[in-house]
Protein backbone atom coordinates (compact mmCIF):
# COMPACT_ATOMS: atom_id res chain seq x y z
CA MET A 1 -2.64 31.94 141.24
CA GLU A 2 -1.34 34.66 138.73
CA ALA A 3 -0.48 33.66 135.30
CA THR A 4 3.08 33.46 133.89
CA ARG A 5 3.83 35.05 130.97
CA ILE A 6 6.24 32.34 128.78
CA ILE A 7 8.32 33.55 125.51
CA ALA A 8 9.37 30.67 123.77
CA VAL A 9 12.21 30.89 121.04
CA ARG A 10 12.82 27.72 119.16
CA HIS A 11 16.90 28.23 118.54
CA GLY A 12 18.99 30.02 115.93
CA GLU A 13 19.99 28.28 112.28
CA THR A 14 22.26 24.91 112.00
CA ALA A 15 23.32 23.37 108.98
CA TRP A 16 21.21 20.50 109.28
CA ASN A 17 18.51 23.00 109.31
CA VAL A 18 19.40 24.21 106.09
CA ASP A 19 20.29 20.37 104.81
CA SER A 20 16.95 19.09 106.62
CA ARG A 21 18.88 16.57 107.95
CA ILE A 22 17.15 15.23 111.27
CA GLN A 23 19.29 16.38 114.73
CA GLY A 24 16.82 14.89 117.34
CA GLN A 25 18.95 15.21 120.55
CA LEU A 26 22.54 14.79 118.68
CA ASP A 27 24.61 18.25 120.10
CA ILE A 28 24.46 20.71 116.58
CA SER A 29 26.33 24.21 116.59
CA LEU A 30 24.63 27.13 115.10
CA ASN A 31 25.73 28.30 112.16
CA ASP A 32 26.69 31.61 111.01
CA THR A 33 22.91 33.03 110.25
CA GLY A 34 22.11 31.15 113.80
CA ARG A 35 24.13 32.82 115.82
CA TRP A 36 22.86 36.39 113.80
CA GLN A 37 19.12 35.31 114.63
CA ALA A 38 20.14 34.55 118.53
CA ARG A 39 21.82 37.92 118.70
CA ARG A 40 18.48 39.59 117.60
CA VAL A 41 16.49 37.72 119.99
CA GLY A 42 18.85 38.92 122.78
CA GLU A 43 18.28 42.79 121.17
CA ALA A 44 14.29 41.95 121.03
CA LEU A 45 13.83 40.96 124.38
CA ALA A 46 16.82 43.30 125.88
CA GLY A 47 13.73 45.36 127.07
CA GLU A 48 11.55 42.99 128.76
CA PRO A 49 11.02 42.24 132.21
CA ILE A 50 12.17 38.73 131.98
CA GLY A 51 12.25 36.72 135.15
CA ALA A 52 14.32 33.79 134.19
CA VAL A 53 15.66 32.56 130.99
CA TYR A 54 15.65 28.51 130.58
CA SER A 55 16.86 26.33 127.76
CA SER A 56 17.34 22.85 126.21
CA ASP A 57 20.87 21.90 127.25
CA LEU A 58 21.51 21.17 123.77
CA GLY A 59 24.24 23.35 122.02
CA ARG A 60 22.40 25.15 119.42
CA ALA A 61 19.13 26.09 122.18
CA HIS A 62 22.00 27.01 124.55
CA GLN A 63 24.28 29.28 122.63
CA THR A 64 20.79 31.28 121.63
CA ALA A 65 19.70 31.05 124.77
CA GLN A 66 23.45 32.68 125.69
CA SER A 67 22.50 35.71 123.65
CA ILE A 68 19.37 36.60 125.56
CA SER A 69 20.92 36.31 128.23
CA GLU A 70 24.17 38.71 127.61
CA LEU A 71 21.81 41.24 126.08
CA THR A 72 19.33 40.88 129.28
CA GLY A 73 21.77 39.98 132.08
CA VAL A 74 19.59 36.78 132.78
CA PRO A 75 21.70 33.86 133.46
CA VAL A 76 20.85 30.80 131.58
CA VAL A 77 19.15 27.62 133.40
CA PRO A 78 19.73 24.54 131.06
CA HIS A 79 17.32 21.92 131.24
CA GLU A 80 17.47 18.65 129.62
CA GLY A 81 13.49 18.18 129.52
CA LEU A 82 13.29 20.78 126.70
CA ARG A 83 15.32 18.73 124.28
CA GLU A 84 14.25 18.09 121.11
CA ARG A 85 12.59 14.89 120.48
CA SER A 86 14.45 11.66 120.07
CA PHE A 87 14.29 9.89 116.67
CA GLY A 88 16.96 7.26 117.75
CA LEU A 89 18.50 5.80 114.54
CA PHE A 90 16.98 8.53 112.34
CA GLU A 91 19.10 10.98 114.19
CA GLY A 92 21.46 12.25 111.30
CA MET A 93 19.53 11.22 108.62
CA THR A 94 17.27 13.66 106.09
CA PHE A 95 13.70 12.43 105.29
CA ASP A 96 14.28 10.85 101.47
CA GLU A 97 17.13 8.51 103.58
CA ILE A 98 14.88 7.27 105.99
CA HIS A 99 11.99 6.84 103.61
CA GLU A 100 14.39 4.72 100.94
CA GLN A 101 15.71 2.02 103.69
CA TRP A 102 12.89 2.05 106.28
CA PRO A 103 9.79 3.07 104.26
CA ASP A 104 7.37 1.69 106.38
CA HIS A 105 8.75 4.16 109.37
CA ALA A 106 8.58 6.84 106.97
CA GLN A 107 4.97 6.69 106.41
CA SER A 108 4.18 6.00 110.01
CA TRP A 109 6.27 9.60 110.74
CA ARG A 110 4.11 11.10 107.62
CA ARG A 111 1.03 10.05 108.99
CA ARG A 112 1.98 11.55 112.67
CA GLU A 113 1.05 8.28 114.32
CA PRO A 114 0.61 9.31 117.99
CA GLU A 115 1.92 6.09 119.62
CA TRP A 116 4.85 5.34 116.54
CA GLN A 117 8.57 5.51 117.89
CA PRO A 118 11.49 6.08 115.57
CA PRO A 119 13.66 2.93 115.91
CA LYS A 120 16.45 2.67 119.02
CA GLY A 121 14.80 4.99 121.69
CA GLY A 122 13.01 7.72 119.46
CA GLU A 123 10.24 9.07 121.46
CA SER A 124 6.54 8.87 120.22
CA LEU A 125 4.77 12.36 119.25
CA LEU A 126 2.31 10.84 122.65
CA GLN A 127 5.64 10.89 124.85
CA LEU A 128 6.82 14.21 123.39
CA ARG A 129 4.18 15.89 124.40
CA GLN A 130 3.66 14.31 127.84
CA ARG A 131 7.48 15.61 128.63
CA VAL A 132 7.34 19.06 126.85
CA THR A 133 3.75 19.69 129.03
CA ARG A 134 5.41 18.40 132.13
CA THR A 135 8.72 20.27 131.70
CA VAL A 136 7.06 24.05 130.93
CA THR A 137 4.26 23.76 133.37
CA GLY A 138 6.95 23.01 136.21
CA LEU A 139 9.18 25.90 135.23
CA ALA A 140 6.16 28.36 134.83
CA GLU A 141 4.77 27.51 138.47
CA ARG A 142 7.91 28.64 139.95
CA HIS A 143 7.13 32.19 138.23
CA PRO A 144 3.36 33.30 138.84
CA GLY A 145 3.18 36.87 137.50
CA GLU A 146 6.21 36.90 136.15
CA LEU A 147 7.93 36.78 132.66
CA ILE A 148 10.14 33.85 131.58
CA VAL A 149 12.18 32.72 128.62
CA VAL A 150 12.13 29.39 127.22
CA VAL A 151 14.66 28.61 124.37
CA ALA A 152 14.21 24.90 122.47
CA HIS A 153 13.56 23.08 119.83
CA GLY A 154 10.54 22.76 116.51
CA GLY A 155 9.25 19.82 117.85
CA VAL A 156 8.97 20.76 121.47
CA LEU A 157 7.06 24.46 120.01
CA ASP A 158 5.04 22.63 117.91
CA ALA A 159 4.28 20.89 120.83
CA LEU A 160 3.42 23.31 122.78
CA TYR A 161 1.39 24.83 120.28
CA ARG A 162 -1.22 21.97 120.23
CA VAL A 163 -1.53 21.71 123.48
CA ALA A 164 -2.17 25.72 123.76
CA THR A 165 -4.96 25.34 121.06
CA GLY A 166 -5.98 22.07 121.86
CA GLN A 167 -4.96 20.15 118.50
CA ASP A 168 -3.88 16.54 118.76
CA VAL A 169 -0.60 15.12 117.80
CA ASN A 170 -1.68 14.21 114.55
CA SER A 171 -3.09 16.98 113.17
CA PRO A 172 -1.92 18.86 110.46
CA ARG A 173 0.27 21.37 111.15
CA THR A 174 -0.78 24.77 109.39
CA TRP A 175 1.63 27.11 111.87
CA GLU A 176 5.25 27.97 111.02
CA LEU A 177 7.81 27.18 114.06
CA PRO A 178 10.56 29.31 112.15
CA ASN A 179 14.39 29.26 113.60
CA GLY A 180 14.91 32.39 116.14
CA ALA A 181 11.07 33.53 116.01
CA ILE A 182 9.40 34.64 118.80
CA ASN A 183 6.41 32.98 120.32
CA ARG A 184 4.12 33.88 123.41
CA LEU A 185 1.93 32.19 125.66
CA LEU A 186 0.13 32.17 129.23
CA TRP A 187 0.16 29.73 131.62
CA THR A 188 -2.42 29.01 134.67
CA PRO A 189 -3.27 26.17 136.88
CA GLN A 190 -5.88 25.45 134.49
CA GLY A 191 -3.52 25.10 131.51
CA PHE A 192 -1.89 27.29 128.53
CA THR A 193 -3.00 29.42 126.54
CA LEU A 194 -1.92 31.01 123.03
CA VAL A 195 -1.09 34.87 123.23
CA GLY A 196 0.96 35.39 119.77
CA TRP A 197 2.89 33.09 117.37
CA SER A 198 6.02 33.18 115.04
CA ASP A 199 6.86 36.58 115.67
CA THR A 200 10.04 37.41 113.12
CA GLN A 201 10.00 41.22 112.97
CA HIS A 202 13.10 41.67 114.46
CA LEU A 203 14.85 38.78 111.85
CA ASN A 204 14.03 41.19 108.70
CA GLU A 205 17.46 42.00 108.30
CA SER A 206 18.90 39.74 106.62
CA ALA A 207 21.89 38.15 108.05
CA ASP A 208 24.17 39.20 104.78
CA GLU A 209 22.84 42.76 105.10
CA ASN A 210 23.29 42.62 108.57
CA SER A 211 27.46 41.92 107.91
CA CYS A 212 27.92 44.88 104.99
């Protein structure tokens, strides 16, 4: 089977990204900077031979994917398997608020304990990795020899990076996950391979400069 090329994009910025507030699976929209980032991603990918665009069905990712769709002519296919990690009770809070009210949970989170789950339906890191691997593998299997775009979230992309590089879910993160960055992977039946990560050249011009 031919390899499937994957461009994985983190959604554009939201107000909650700026405030370091946990979004999880809450449906938060892009802010002005995020909408600009989404357009820039679309412009950067406009010349790519894209066979399909898949997106988390959460608004911030779907809005980003729509900008890619408008500039490439490829329709967006939403997929709930690409949603951000569920943080249960902690969605809508900052880490400082969590640390103040639930210090034991905050420490488990900070230590990246693989089986720890946020209260009230949150996902563990192991559950997230399993979901992301299953979802993106299933999408890649549909497009052997093609290029697909996957628009998702920081937690999803972090899981993909770890799978592609053979790192455990609790290994310290040494890579960046910028909003609107372009990341490239290959998929074959043997698994994922990292090609390039955190390309932000298309975002070098600031949104403020662009609006002048």
